[in-house]
Amino acid sequence: MANQIVWVDIPVKDLDRAIRFYSAVLGAPVKKEEFPGMTIGILPHNDGEVGGCLFKNEADEPSNKGPLLYLNANGRLDQAIAAVAANGGKLLQPKQPIGPYGFRAIALDSEGNRVALHSD
């Protein structure tokens, strides 16, 4: 097994707003896809990599508590941090070293989810 985590669903209140936020912060387009009964935003990833999506439904709500999802901002952490507030998010913890594991910053996304931005 290459990865313990294989997929993540990120709940949102406004899908288009969340797609703009994550596209800016990740520096790559989030692809909007429609299926019967649902529309989601697919986070950028290649086949065989861990992936995820943005989704809206009545049963799930964005949260600033619970698991902390680390998003890859390798080599562009400062740009990702700058994109947070400019796209409706809020920086909770500025860039900080995390020992031999690189650096992270913690933000609230445009929907109220707490996420970590990570770089080596």
PDB file of N, CA and C in Angstrom:
ATOM      1  N   MET A   1       0.845  -1.176   0.000  1.00  0.00           N
ATOM      2  CA  MET A   1       0.000   0.000   0.000  1.00  0.00           C
ATOM      3  C   MET A   1       0.891   1.241   0.000  1.00  0.00           C
ATOM      4  N   ALA A   2       0.764   2.070  -1.025  1.00  0.00           N
ATOM      5  CA  ALA A   2       1.616   3.246  -1.163  1.00  0.00           C
ATOM      6  C   ALA A   2       1.187   4.381  -0.240  1.00  0.00           C
ATOM      7  N   ASN A   3      -0.115   4.577  -0.070  1.00  0.00           N
ATOM      8  CA  ASN A   3      -0.622   5.670   0.748  1.00  0.00           C
ATOM      9  C   ASN A   3      -1.698   5.169   1.694  1.00  0.00           C
ATOM     10  N   GLN A   4      -1.647   5.583   2.940  1.00  0.00           N
ATOM     11  CA  GLN A   4      -2.711   5.244   3.872  1.00  0.00           C
ATOM     12  C   GLN A   4      -3.967   6.053   3.572  1.00  0.00           C
ATOM     13  N   ILE A   5      -3.800   7.263   3.092  1.00  0.00           N
ATOM     14  CA  ILE A   5      -4.933   8.106   2.718  1.00  0.00           C
ATOM     15  C   ILE A   5      -5.065   8.021   1.205  1.00  0.00           C
ATOM     16  N   VAL A   6      -6.270   7.728   0.723  1.00  0.00           N
ATOM     17  CA  VAL A   6      -6.467   7.567  -0.713  1.00  0.00           C
ATOM     18  C   VAL A   6      -7.366   8.636  -1.319  1.00  0.00           C
ATOM     19  N   TRP A   7      -8.189   9.289  -0.509  1.00  0.00           N
ATOM     20  CA  TRP A   7      -9.111  10.296  -1.026  1.00  0.00           C
ATOM     21  C   TRP A   7      -9.583  11.143   0.141  1.00  0.00           C
ATOM     22  N   VAL A   8      -9.988  12.381  -0.125  1.00  0.00           N
ATOM     23  CA  VAL A   8     -10.560  13.243   0.897  1.00  0.00           C
ATOM     24  C   VAL A   8     -11.728  14.010   0.292  1.00  0.00           C
ATOM     25  N   ASP A   9     -12.828  14.088   1.030  1.00  0.00           N
ATOM     26  CA  ASP A   9     -13.963  14.928   0.669  1.00  0.00           C
ATOM     27  C   ASP A   9     -13.925  16.147   1.581  1.00  0.00           C
ATOM     28  N   ILE A  10     -13.931  17.327   0.997  1.00  0.00           N
ATOM     29  CA  ILE A  10     -13.917  18.561   1.774  1.00  0.00           C
ATOM     30  C   ILE A  10     -15.291  19.216   1.631  1.00  0.00           C
ATOM     31  N   PRO A  11     -16.063  19.295   2.726  1.00  0.00           N
ATOM     32  CA  PRO A  11     -17.392  19.895   2.630  1.00  0.00           C
ATOM     33  C   PRO A  11     -17.304  21.413   2.448  1.00  0.00           C
ATOM     34  N   VAL A  12     -18.212  21.941   1.632  1.00  0.00           N
ATOM     35  CA  VAL A  12     -18.249  23.380   1.361  1.00  0.00           C
ATOM     36  C   VAL A  12     -19.678  23.889   1.426  1.00  0.00           C
ATOM     37  N   LYS A  13     -19.818  25.190   1.602  1.00  0.00           N
ATOM     38  CA  LYS A  13     -21.129  25.837   1.568  1.00  0.00           C
ATOM     39  C   LYS A  13     -21.419  26.396   0.185  1.00  0.00           C
ATOM     40  N   ASP A  14     -20.390  26.899  -0.501  1.00  0.00           N
ATOM     41  CA  ASP A  14     -20.530  27.505  -1.824  1.00  0.00           C
ATOM     42  C   ASP A  14     -19.455  26.894  -2.722  1.00  0.00           C
ATOM     43  N   LEU A  15     -19.845  25.998  -3.614  1.00  0.00           N
ATOM     44  CA  LEU A  15     -18.884  25.248  -4.421  1.00  0.00           C
ATOM     45  C   LEU A  15     -18.042  26.157  -5.317  1.00  0.00           C
ATOM     46  N   ASP A  16     -18.656  27.114  -5.986  1.00  0.00           N
ATOM     47  CA  ASP A  16     -17.882  27.985  -6.881  1.00  0.00           C
ATOM     48  C   ASP A  16     -16.858  28.818  -6.110  1.00  0.00           C
ATOM     49  N   ARG A  17     -17.254  29.341  -4.960  1.00  0.00           N
ATOM     50  CA  ARG A  17     -16.326  30.112  -4.123  1.00  0.00           C
ATOM     51  C   ARG A  17     -15.172  29.236  -3.663  1.00  0.00           C
ATOM     52  N   ALA A  18     -15.487  28.002  -3.235  1.00  0.00           N
ATOM     53  CA  ALA A  18     -14.446  27.077  -2.781  1.00  0.00           C
ATOM     54  C   ALA A  18     -13.514  26.683  -3.925  1.00  0.00           C
ATOM     55  N   ILE A  19     -14.050  26.496  -5.122  1.00  0.00           N
ATOM     56  CA  ILE A  19     -13.211  26.181  -6.280  1.00  0.00           C
ATOM     57  C   ILE A  19     -12.234  27.321  -6.549  1.00  0.00           C
ATOM     58  N   ARG A  20     -12.698  28.571  -6.480  1.00  0.00           N
ATOM     59  CA  ARG A  20     -11.795  29.730  -6.668  1.00  0.00           C
ATOM     60  C   ARG A  20     -10.711  29.748  -5.588  1.00  0.00           C
ATOM     61  N   PHE A  21     -11.097  29.533  -4.334  1.00  0.00           N
ATOM     62  CA  PHE A  21     -10.149  29.534  -3.218  1.00  0.00           C
ATOM     63  C   PHE A  21      -9.079  28.470  -3.423  1.00  0.00           C
ATOM     64  N   TYR A  22      -9.471  27.229  -3.616  1.00  0.00           N
ATOM     65  CA  TYR A  22      -8.496  26.140  -3.726  1.00  0.00           C
ATOM     66  C   TYR A  22      -7.665  26.236  -5.003  1.00  0.00           C
ATOM     67  N   SER A  23      -8.231  26.702  -6.090  1.00  0.00           N
ATOM     68  CA  SER A  23      -7.440  26.905  -7.320  1.00  0.00           C
ATOM     69  C   SER A  23      -6.337  27.921  -7.068  1.00  0.00           C
ATOM     70  N   ALA A  24      -6.661  29.011  -6.369  1.00  0.00           N
ATOM     71  CA  ALA A  24      -5.661  30.046  -6.078  1.00  0.00           C
ATOM     72  C   ALA A  24      -4.614  29.557  -5.091  1.00  0.00           C
ATOM     73  N   VAL A  25      -5.038  28.928  -4.024  1.00  0.00           N
ATOM     74  CA  VAL A  25      -4.112  28.488  -2.988  1.00  0.00           C
ATOM     75  C   VAL A  25      -3.211  27.352  -3.485  1.00  0.00           C
ATOM     76  N   LEU A  26      -3.767  26.426  -4.250  1.00  0.00           N
ATOM     77  CA  LEU A  26      -2.978  25.304  -4.755  1.00  0.00           C
ATOM     78  C   LEU A  26      -2.185  25.654  -6.008  1.00  0.00           C
ATOM     79  N   GLY A  27      -2.510  26.773  -6.633  1.00  0.00           N
ATOM     80  CA  GLY A  27      -1.780  27.184  -7.821  1.00  0.00           C
ATOM     81  C   GLY A  27      -2.059  26.302  -9.029  1.00  0.00           C
ATOM     82  N   ALA A  28      -3.195  25.623  -9.023  1.00  0.00           N
ATOM     83  CA  ALA A  28      -3.600  24.755 -10.131  1.00  0.00           C
ATOM     84  C   ALA A  28      -5.126  24.710 -10.141  1.00  0.00           C
ATOM     85  N   PRO A  29      -5.713  24.556 -11.317  1.00  0.00           N
ATOM     86  CA  PRO A  29      -7.176  24.598 -11.382  1.00  0.00           C
ATOM     87  C   PRO A  29      -7.853  23.408 -10.711  1.00  0.00           C
ATOM     88  N   VAL A  30      -8.921  23.708  -9.996  1.00  0.00           N
ATOM     89  CA  VAL A  30      -9.820  22.685  -9.463  1.00  0.00           C
ATOM     90  C   VAL A  30     -10.901  22.505 -10.527  1.00  0.00           C
ATOM     91  N   LYS A  31     -11.104  21.278 -10.955  1.00  0.00           N
ATOM     92  CA  LYS A  31     -12.011  20.981 -12.063  1.00  0.00           C
ATOM     93  C   LYS A  31     -13.421  20.709 -11.547  1.00  0.00           C
ATOM     94  N   LYS A  32     -14.373  21.471 -12.057  1.00  0.00           N
ATOM     95  CA  LYS A  32     -15.776  21.273 -11.684  1.00  0.00           C
ATOM     96  C   LYS A  32     -16.346  20.143 -12.546  1.00  0.00           C
ATOM     97  N   GLU A  33     -16.937  19.144 -11.890  1.00  0.00           N
ATOM     98  CA  GLU A  33     -17.525  18.014 -12.603  1.00  0.00           C
ATOM     99  C   GLU A  33     -18.951  17.797 -12.126  1.00  0.00           C
ATOM    100  N   GLU A  34     -19.810  17.508 -13.076  1.00  0.00           N
ATOM    101  CA  GLU A  34     -21.219  17.265 -12.767  1.00  0.00           C
ATOM    102  C   GLU A  34     -21.562  15.803 -13.001  1.00  0.00           C
ATOM    103  N   PHE A  35     -22.275  15.244 -12.041  1.00  0.00           N
ATOM    104  CA  PHE A  35     -22.776  13.886 -12.109  1.00  0.00           C
ATOM    105  C   PHE A  35     -24.267  13.951 -11.811  1.00  0.00           C
ATOM    106  N   PRO A  36     -25.035  12.932 -12.156  1.00  0.00           N
ATOM    107  CA  PRO A  36     -26.463  12.961 -11.807  1.00  0.00           C
ATOM    108  C   PRO A  36     -26.654  13.185 -10.311  1.00  0.00           C
ATOM    109  N   GLY A  37     -27.308  14.263  -9.973  1.00  0.00           N
ATOM    110  CA  GLY A  37     -27.608  14.553  -8.578  1.00  0.00           C
ATOM    111  C   GLY A  37     -26.509  15.231  -7.786  1.00  0.00           C
ATOM    112  N   MET A  38     -25.350  15.496  -8.394  1.00  0.00           N
ATOM    113  CA  MET A  38     -24.293  16.164  -7.636  1.00  0.00           C
ATOM    114  C   MET A  38     -23.282  16.841  -8.558  1.00  0.00           C
ATOM    115  N   THR A  39     -22.715  17.910  -8.048  1.00  0.00           N
ATOM    116  CA  THR A  39     -21.616  18.613  -8.707  1.00  0.00           C
ATOM    117  C   THR A  39     -20.497  18.723  -7.691  1.00  0.00           C
ATOM    118  N   ILE A  40     -19.259  18.420  -8.102  1.00  0.00           N
ATOM    119  CA  ILE A  40     -18.115  18.464  -7.196  1.00  0.00           C
ATOM    120  C   ILE A  40     -16.965  19.218  -7.857  1.00  0.00           C
ATOM    121  N   GLY A  41     -15.995  19.601  -7.066  1.00  0.00           N
ATOM    122  CA  GLY A  41     -14.754  20.195  -7.555  1.00  0.00           C
ATOM    123  C   GLY A  41     -13.620  19.218  -7.282  1.00  0.00           C
ATOM    124  N   ILE A  42     -12.992  18.703  -8.319  1.00  0.00           N
ATOM    125  CA  ILE A  42     -11.915  17.724  -8.180  1.00  0.00           C
ATOM    126  C   ILE A  42     -10.598  18.445  -7.946  1.00  0.00           C
ATOM    127  N   LEU A  43      -9.945  18.161  -6.820  1.00  0.00           N
ATOM    128  CA  LEU A  43      -8.639  18.754  -6.528  1.00  0.00           C
ATOM    129  C   LEU A  43      -7.605  18.227  -7.523  1.00  0.00           C
ATOM    130  N   PRO A  44      -6.619  19.059  -7.892  1.00  0.00           N
ATOM    131  CA  PRO A  44      -5.627  18.609  -8.869  1.00  0.00           C
ATOM    132  C   PRO A  44      -4.818  17.418  -8.354  1.00  0.00           C
ATOM    133  N   HIS A  45      -4.749  16.378  -9.169  1.00  0.00           N
ATOM    134  CA  HIS A  45      -3.937  15.199  -8.872  1.00  0.00           C
ATOM    135  C   HIS A  45      -3.823  14.355 -10.132  1.00  0.00           C
ATOM    136  N   ASN A  46      -2.846  13.492 -10.177  1.00  0.00           N
ATOM    137  CA  ASN A  46      -2.639  12.575 -11.293  1.00  0.00           C
ATOM    138  C   ASN A  46      -3.113  11.190 -10.907  1.00  0.00           C
ATOM    139  N   ASP A  47      -3.339  10.355 -11.904  1.00  0.00           N
ATOM    140  CA  ASP A  47      -3.723   8.972 -11.631  1.00  0.00           C
ATOM    141  C   ASP A  47      -2.697   8.324 -10.704  1.00  0.00           C
ATOM    142  N   GLY A  48      -3.169   7.571  -9.737  1.00  0.00           N
ATOM    143  CA  GLY A  48      -2.292   6.885  -8.806  1.00  0.00           C
ATOM    144  C   GLY A  48      -1.876   7.717  -7.613  1.00  0.00           C
ATOM    145  N   GLU A  49      -2.219   9.007  -7.600  1.00  0.00           N
ATOM    146  CA  GLU A  49      -1.896   9.882  -6.472  1.00  0.00           C
ATOM    147  C   GLU A  49      -3.116  10.020  -5.567  1.00  0.00           C
ATOM    148  N   VAL A  50      -2.890  10.446  -4.341  1.00  0.00           N
ATOM    149  CA  VAL A  50      -3.990  10.746  -3.439  1.00  0.00           C
ATOM    150  C   VAL A  50      -4.747  11.935  -4.011  1.00  0.00           C
ATOM    151  N   GLY A  51      -6.058  11.860  -4.010  1.00  0.00           N
ATOM    152  CA  GLY A  51      -6.875  12.933  -4.550  1.00  0.00           C
ATOM    153  C   GLY A  51      -7.990  13.299  -3.601  1.00  0.00           C
ATOM    154  N   GLY A  52      -8.829  14.203  -4.068  1.00  0.00           N
ATOM    155  CA  GLY A  52      -9.953  14.612  -3.256  1.00  0.00           C
ATOM    156  C   GLY A  52     -10.867  15.545  -4.017  1.00  0.00           C
ATOM    157  N   CYS A  53     -11.954  15.913  -3.347  1.00  0.00           N
ATOM    158  CA  CYS A  53     -12.904  16.805  -3.988  1.00  0.00           C
ATOM    159  C   CYS A  53     -13.546  17.739  -2.981  1.00  0.00           C
ATOM    160  N   LEU A  54     -14.127  18.792  -3.513  1.00  0.00           N
ATOM    161  CA  LEU A  54     -14.960  19.726  -2.771  1.00  0.00           C
ATOM    162  C   LEU A  54     -16.399  19.318  -3.063  1.00  0.00           C
ATOM    163  N   PHE A  55     -17.252  19.308  -2.050  1.00  0.00           N
ATOM    164  CA  PHE A  55     -18.637  18.912  -2.292  1.00  0.00           C
ATOM    165  C   PHE A  55     -19.569  19.647  -1.339  1.00  0.00           C
ATOM    166  N   LYS A  56     -20.800  19.775  -1.767  1.00  0.00           N
ATOM    167  CA  LYS A  56     -21.827  20.420  -0.947  1.00  0.00           C
ATOM    168  C   LYS A  56     -23.003  19.474  -0.812  1.00  0.00           C
ATOM    169  N   ASN A  57     -23.422  19.237   0.437  1.00  0.00           N
ATOM    170  CA  ASN A  57     -24.667  18.519   0.690  1.00  0.00           C
ATOM    171  C   ASN A  57     -25.198  18.924   2.058  1.00  0.00           C
ATOM    172  N   GLU A  58     -26.399  18.527   2.331  1.00  0.00           N
ATOM    173  CA  GLU A  58     -27.045  18.940   3.578  1.00  0.00           C
ATOM    174  C   GLU A  58     -26.520  18.206   4.804  1.00  0.00           C
ATOM    175  N   ALA A  59     -25.934  17.039   4.639  1.00  0.00           N
ATOM    176  CA  ALA A  59     -25.511  16.216   5.769  1.00  0.00           C
ATOM    177  C   ALA A  59     -24.149  16.616   6.339  1.00  0.00           C
ATOM    178  N   ASP A  60     -23.314  17.272   5.546  1.00  0.00           N
ATOM    179  CA  ASP A  60     -21.958  17.600   5.983  1.00  0.00           C
ATOM    180  C   ASP A  60     -21.758  19.112   6.013  1.00  0.00           C
ATOM    181  N   GLU A  61     -21.051  19.579   7.018  1.00  0.00           N
ATOM    182  CA  GLU A  61     -20.777  21.003   7.198  1.00  0.00           C
ATOM    183  C   GLU A  61     -19.281  21.236   7.305  1.00  0.00           C
ATOM    184  N   PRO A  62     -18.783  22.342   6.747  1.00  0.00           N
ATOM    185  CA  PRO A  62     -17.380  22.707   6.977  1.00  0.00           C
ATOM    186  C   PRO A  62     -17.123  22.862   8.473  1.00  0.00           C
ATOM    187  N   SER A  63     -15.863  22.632   8.895  1.00  0.00           N
ATOM    188  CA  SER A  63     -15.531  22.708  10.316  1.00  0.00           C
ATOM    189  C   SER A  63     -14.088  23.152  10.508  1.00  0.00           C
ATOM    190  N   ASN A  64     -13.847  23.871  11.591  1.00  0.00           N
ATOM    191  CA  ASN A  64     -12.485  24.235  11.964  1.00  0.00           C
ATOM    192  C   ASN A  64     -11.960  23.331  13.076  1.00  0.00           C
ATOM    193  N   LYS A  65     -12.637  22.206  13.268  1.00  0.00           N
ATOM    194  CA  LYS A  65     -12.230  21.211  14.265  1.00  0.00           C
ATOM    195  C   LYS A  65     -12.103  19.873  13.566  1.00  0.00           C
ATOM    196  N   GLY A  66     -11.487  18.930  14.199  1.00  0.00           N
ATOM    197  CA  GLY A  66     -11.363  17.607  13.601  1.00  0.00           C
ATOM    198  C   GLY A  66     -10.036  17.430  12.889  1.00  0.00           C
ATOM    199  N   PRO A  67      -9.959  16.457  11.990  1.00  0.00           N
ATOM    200  CA  PRO A  67      -8.689  16.162  11.316  1.00  0.00           C
ATOM    201  C   PRO A  67      -8.139  17.384  10.580  1.00  0.00           C
ATOM    202  N   LEU A  68      -6.822  17.474  10.551  1.00  0.00           N
ATOM    203  CA  LEU A  68      -6.155  18.580   9.859  1.00  0.00           C
ATOM    204  C   LEU A  68      -5.568  18.040   8.560  1.00  0.00           C
ATOM    205  N   LEU A  69      -6.078  18.495   7.456  1.00  0.00           N
ATOM    206  CA  LEU A  69      -5.640  18.087   6.134  1.00  0.00           C
ATOM    207  C   LEU A  69      -4.448  18.940   5.707  1.00  0.00           C
ATOM    208  N   TYR A  70      -3.336  18.294   5.334  1.00  0.00           N
ATOM    209  CA  TYR A  70      -2.151  19.001   4.847  1.00  0.00           C
ATOM    210  C   TYR A  70      -2.195  19.030   3.327  1.00  0.00           C
ATOM    211  N   LEU A  71      -2.138  20.233   2.761  1.00  0.00           N
ATOM    212  CA  LEU A  71      -2.154  20.417   1.313  1.00  0.00           C
ATOM    213  C   LEU A  71      -0.755  20.732   0.820  1.00  0.00           C
ATOM    214  N   ASN A  72      -0.401  20.198  -0.324  1.00  0.00           N
ATOM    215  CA  ASN A  72       0.937  20.361  -0.880  1.00  0.00           C
ATOM    216  C   ASN A  72       1.113  21.754  -1.480  1.00  0.00           C
ATOM    217  N   ALA A  73       1.974  22.549  -0.866  1.00  0.00           N
ATOM    218  CA  ALA A  73       2.353  23.859  -1.392  1.00  0.00           C
ATOM    219  C   ALA A  73       3.874  23.892  -1.559  1.00  0.00           C
ATOM    220  N   ASN A  74       4.456  22.734  -1.860  1.00  0.00           N
ATOM    221  CA  ASN A  74       5.906  22.611  -1.927  1.00  0.00           C
ATOM    222  C   ASN A  74       6.510  23.574  -2.950  1.00  0.00           C
ATOM    223  N   GLY A  75       7.469  24.379  -2.483  1.00  0.00           N
ATOM    224  CA  GLY A  75       8.147  25.331  -3.337  1.00  0.00           C
ATOM    225  C   GLY A  75       7.371  26.604  -3.590  1.00  0.00           C
ATOM    226  N   ARG A  76       6.148  26.702  -3.074  1.00  0.00           N
ATOM    227  CA  ARG A  76       5.338  27.894  -3.280  1.00  0.00           C
ATOM    228  C   ARG A  76       4.491  28.227  -2.050  1.00  0.00           C
ATOM    229  N   LEU A  77       5.035  27.914  -0.877  1.00  0.00           N
ATOM    230  CA  LEU A  77       4.282  28.138   0.358  1.00  0.00           C
ATOM    231  C   LEU A  77       3.938  29.608   0.562  1.00  0.00           C
ATOM    232  N   ASP A  78       4.882  30.504   0.321  1.00  0.00           N
ATOM    233  CA  ASP A  78       4.605  31.935   0.507  1.00  0.00           C
ATOM    234  C   ASP A  78       3.479  32.411  -0.414  1.00  0.00           C
ATOM    235  N   GLN A  79       3.460  31.938  -1.656  1.00  0.00           N
ATOM    236  CA  GLN A  79       2.398  32.313  -2.589  1.00  0.00           C
ATOM    237  C   GLN A  79       1.053  31.750  -2.134  1.00  0.00           C
ATOM    238  N   ALA A  80       1.061  30.518  -1.644  1.00  0.00           N
ATOM    239  CA  ALA A  80      -0.169  29.901  -1.154  1.00  0.00           C
ATOM    240  C   ALA A  80      -0.716  30.679   0.041  1.00  0.00           C
ATOM    241  N   ILE A  81       0.161  31.068   0.952  1.00  0.00           N
ATOM    242  CA  ILE A  81      -0.253  31.848   2.126  1.00  0.00           C
ATOM    243  C   ILE A  81      -0.856  33.178   1.681  1.00  0.00           C
ATOM    244  N   ALA A  82      -0.218  33.824   0.714  1.00  0.00           N
ATOM    245  CA  ALA A  82      -0.722  35.114   0.217  1.00  0.00           C
ATOM    246  C   ALA A  82      -2.100  34.958  -0.432  1.00  0.00           C
ATOM    247  N   ALA A  83      -2.372  33.808  -1.019  1.00  0.00           N
ATOM    248  CA  ALA A  83      -3.649  33.585  -1.697  1.00  0.00           C
ATOM    249  C   ALA A  83      -4.792  33.323  -0.718  1.00  0.00           C
ATOM    250  N   VAL A  84      -4.491  32.986   0.517  1.00  0.00           N
ATOM    251  CA  VAL A  84      -5.539  32.650   1.487  1.00  0.00           C
ATOM    252  C   VAL A  84      -6.499  33.821   1.686  1.00  0.00           C
ATOM    253  N   ALA A  85      -6.029  34.934   2.225  1.00  0.00           N
ATOM    254  CA  ALA A  85      -6.902  36.070   2.524  1.00  0.00           C
ATOM    255  C   ALA A  85      -7.469  36.681   1.249  1.00  0.00           C
ATOM    256  N   ALA A  86      -6.685  36.707   0.187  1.00  0.00           N
ATOM    257  CA  ALA A  86      -7.129  37.294  -1.075  1.00  0.00           C
ATOM    258  C   ALA A  86      -8.288  36.517  -1.694  1.00  0.00           C
ATOM    259  N   ASN A  87      -8.529  35.293  -1.200  1.00  0.00           N
ATOM    260  CA  ASN A  87      -9.581  34.449  -1.758  1.00  0.00           C
ATOM    261  C   ASN A  87     -10.605  34.021  -0.714  1.00  0.00           C
ATOM    262  N   GLY A  88     -10.770  34.845   0.314  1.00  0.00           N
ATOM    263  CA  GLY A  88     -11.838  34.624   1.279  1.00  0.00           C
ATOM    264  C   GLY A  88     -11.503  33.748   2.462  1.00  0.00           C
ATOM    265  N   GLY A  89     -10.225  33.395   2.629  1.00  0.00           N
ATOM    266  CA  GLY A  89      -9.820  32.592   3.771  1.00  0.00           C
ATOM    267  C   GLY A  89      -9.205  33.452   4.861  1.00  0.00           C
ATOM    268  N   LYS A  90      -8.694  32.802   5.882  1.00  0.00           N
ATOM    269  CA  LYS A  90      -8.075  33.508   7.004  1.00  0.00           C
ATOM    270  C   LYS A  90      -6.873  32.698   7.489  1.00  0.00           C
ATOM    271  N   LEU A  91      -5.735  33.356   7.643  1.00  0.00           N
ATOM    272  CA  LEU A  91      -4.544  32.696   8.162  1.00  0.00           C
ATOM    273  C   LEU A  91      -4.679  32.564   9.678  1.00  0.00           C
ATOM    274  N   LEU A  92      -4.607  31.334  10.191  1.00  0.00           N
ATOM    275  CA  LEU A  92      -4.707  31.092  11.636  1.00  0.00           C
ATOM    276  C   LEU A  92      -3.341  31.028  12.295  1.00  0.00           C
ATOM    277  N   GLN A  93      -2.371  30.392  11.617  1.00  0.00           N
ATOM    278  CA  GLN A  93      -0.995  30.311  12.113  1.00  0.00           C
ATOM    279  C   GLN A  93      -0.070  30.607  10.945  1.00  0.00           C
ATOM    280  N   PRO A  94       0.846  31.541  11.120  1.00  0.00           N
ATOM    281  CA  PRO A  94       1.768  31.868  10.028  1.00  0.00           C
ATOM    282  C   PRO A  94       2.733  30.711   9.751  1.00  0.00           C
ATOM    283  N   LYS A  95       3.499  30.861   8.712  1.00  0.00           N
ATOM    284  CA  LYS A  95       4.501  29.859   8.342  1.00  0.00           C
ATOM    285  C   LYS A  95       5.407  29.593   9.533  1.00  0.00           C
ATOM    286  N   GLN A  96       5.599  28.301   9.814  1.00  0.00           N
ATOM    287  CA  GLN A  96       6.436  27.912  10.940  1.00  0.00           C
ATOM    288  C   GLN A  96       7.170  26.624  10.576  1.00  0.00           C
ATOM    289  N   PRO A  97       8.384  26.442  11.104  1.00  0.00           N
ATOM    290  CA  PRO A  97       9.094  25.189  10.842  1.00  0.00           C
ATOM    291  C   PRO A  97       8.461  24.047  11.632  1.00  0.00           C
ATOM    292  N   ILE A  98       8.488  22.859  11.046  1.00  0.00           N
ATOM    293  CA  ILE A  98       8.014  21.663  11.745  1.00  0.00           C
ATOM    294  C   ILE A  98       9.129  20.614  11.732  1.00  0.00           C
ATOM    295  N   GLY A  99      10.263  21.027  12.277  1.00  0.00           N
ATOM    296  CA  GLY A  99      11.419  20.149  12.395  1.00  0.00           C
ATOM    297  C   GLY A  99      11.915  19.679  11.045  1.00  0.00           C
ATOM    298  N   PRO A 100      12.274  18.406  10.944  1.00  0.00           N
ATOM    299  CA  PRO A 100      12.815  17.888   9.689  1.00  0.00           C
ATOM    300  C   PRO A 100      11.743  17.711   8.606  1.00  0.00           C
ATOM    301  N   TYR A 101      10.483  18.047   8.919  1.00  0.00           N
ATOM    302  CA  TYR A 101       9.384  17.829   7.984  1.00  0.00           C
ATOM    303  C   TYR A 101       9.027  19.073   7.177  1.00  0.00           C
ATOM    304  N   GLY A 102       9.834  20.135   7.290  1.00  0.00           N
ATOM    305  CA  GLY A 102       9.615  21.320   6.474  1.00  0.00           C
ATOM    306  C   GLY A 102       8.905  22.425   7.218  1.00  0.00           C
ATOM    307  N   PHE A 103       7.924  23.019   6.539  1.00  0.00           N
ATOM    308  CA  PHE A 103       7.214  24.186   7.061  1.00  0.00           C
ATOM    309  C   PHE A 103       5.722  24.023   6.812  1.00  0.00           C
ATOM    310  N   ARG A 104       4.935  24.691   7.657  1.00  0.00           N
ATOM    311  CA  ARG A 104       3.497  24.701   7.457  1.00  0.00           C
ATOM    312  C   ARG A 104       2.926  26.040   7.903  1.00  0.00           C
ATOM    313  N   ALA A 105       1.772  26.337   7.380  1.00  0.00           N
ATOM    314  CA  ALA A 105       0.930  27.438   7.843  1.00  0.00           C
ATOM    315  C   ALA A 105      -0.470  26.854   7.939  1.00  0.00           C
ATOM    316  N   ILE A 106      -1.254  27.327   8.885  1.00  0.00           N
ATOM    317  CA  ILE A 106      -2.606  26.817   9.058  1.00  0.00           C
ATOM    318  C   ILE A 106      -3.592  27.929   8.734  1.00  0.00           C
ATOM    319  N   ALA A 107      -4.601  27.576   7.936  1.00  0.00           N
ATOM    320  CA  ALA A 107      -5.571  28.566   7.473  1.00  0.00           C
ATOM    321  C   ALA A 107      -6.979  28.015   7.570  1.00  0.00           C
ATOM    322  N   LEU A 108      -7.944  28.933   7.581  1.00  0.00           N
ATOM    323  CA  LEU A 108      -9.337  28.573   7.354  1.00  0.00           C
ATOM    324  C   LEU A 108      -9.590  28.813   5.875  1.00  0.00           C
ATOM    325  N   ASP A 109     -10.200  27.850   5.198  1.00  0.00           N
ATOM    326  CA  ASP A 109     -10.525  28.068   3.798  1.00  0.00           C
ATOM    327  C   ASP A 109     -11.722  29.007   3.680  1.00  0.00           C
ATOM    328  N   SER A 110     -12.166  29.262   2.487  1.00  0.00           N
ATOM    329  CA  SER A 110     -13.282  30.180   2.260  1.00  0.00           C
ATOM    330  C   SER A 110     -14.593  29.666   2.841  1.00  0.00           C
ATOM    331  N   GLU A 111     -14.628  28.396   3.223  1.00  0.00           N
ATOM    332  CA  GLU A 111     -15.851  27.783   3.733  1.00  0.00           C
ATOM    333  C   GLU A 111     -15.848  27.579   5.235  1.00  0.00           C
ATOM    334  N   GLY A 112     -14.691  27.767   5.888  1.00  0.00           N
ATOM    335  CA  GLY A 112     -14.595  27.580   7.339  1.00  0.00           C
ATOM    336  C   GLY A 112     -13.882  26.296   7.747  1.00  0.00           C
ATOM    337  N   ASN A 113     -13.281  25.567   6.792  1.00  0.00           N
ATOM    338  CA  ASN A 113     -12.501  24.377   7.113  1.00  0.00           C
ATOM    339  C   ASN A 113     -11.071  24.763   7.469  1.00  0.00           C
ATOM    340  N   ARG A 114     -10.525  24.144   8.486  1.00  0.00           N
ATOM    341  CA  ARG A 114      -9.125  24.349   8.860  1.00  0.00           C
ATOM    342  C   ARG A 114      -8.273  23.419   8.010  1.00  0.00           C
ATOM    343  N   VAL A 115      -7.239  23.982   7.351  1.00  0.00           N
ATOM    344  CA  VAL A 115      -6.325  23.204   6.526  1.00  0.00           C
ATOM    345  C   VAL A 115      -4.902  23.685   6.796  1.00  0.00           C
ATOM    346  N   ALA A 116      -3.936  22.793   6.569  1.00  0.00           N
ATOM    347  CA  ALA A 116      -2.526  23.151   6.676  1.00  0.00           C
ATOM    348  C   ALA A 116      -1.938  23.227   5.275  1.00  0.00           C
ATOM    349  N   LEU A 117      -1.104  24.225   5.036  1.00  0.00           N
ATOM    350  CA  LEU A 117      -0.366  24.357   3.792  1.00  0.00           C
ATOM    351  C   LEU A 117       1.056  23.927   4.107  1.00  0.00           C
ATOM    352  N   HIS A 118       1.612  22.988   3.343  1.00  0.00           N
ATOM    353  CA  HIS A 118       2.892  22.377   3.679  1.00  0.00           C
ATOM    354  C   HIS A 118       3.912  22.499   2.555  1.00  0.00           C
ATOM    355  N   SER A 119       5.171  22.701   2.936  1.00  0.00           N
ATOM    356  CA  SER A 119       6.290  22.695   1.986  1.00  0.00           C
ATOM    357  C   SER A 119       7.522  22.148   2.677  1.00  0.00           C
ATOM    358  N   ASP A 120       8.386  21.461   1.890  1.00  0.00           N
ATOM    359  CA  ASP A 120       9.665  20.983   2.412  1.00  0.00           C
ATOM    360  C   ASP A 120      10.532  22.165   2.799  1.00  0.00           C
TER     361      ASP A 120
END
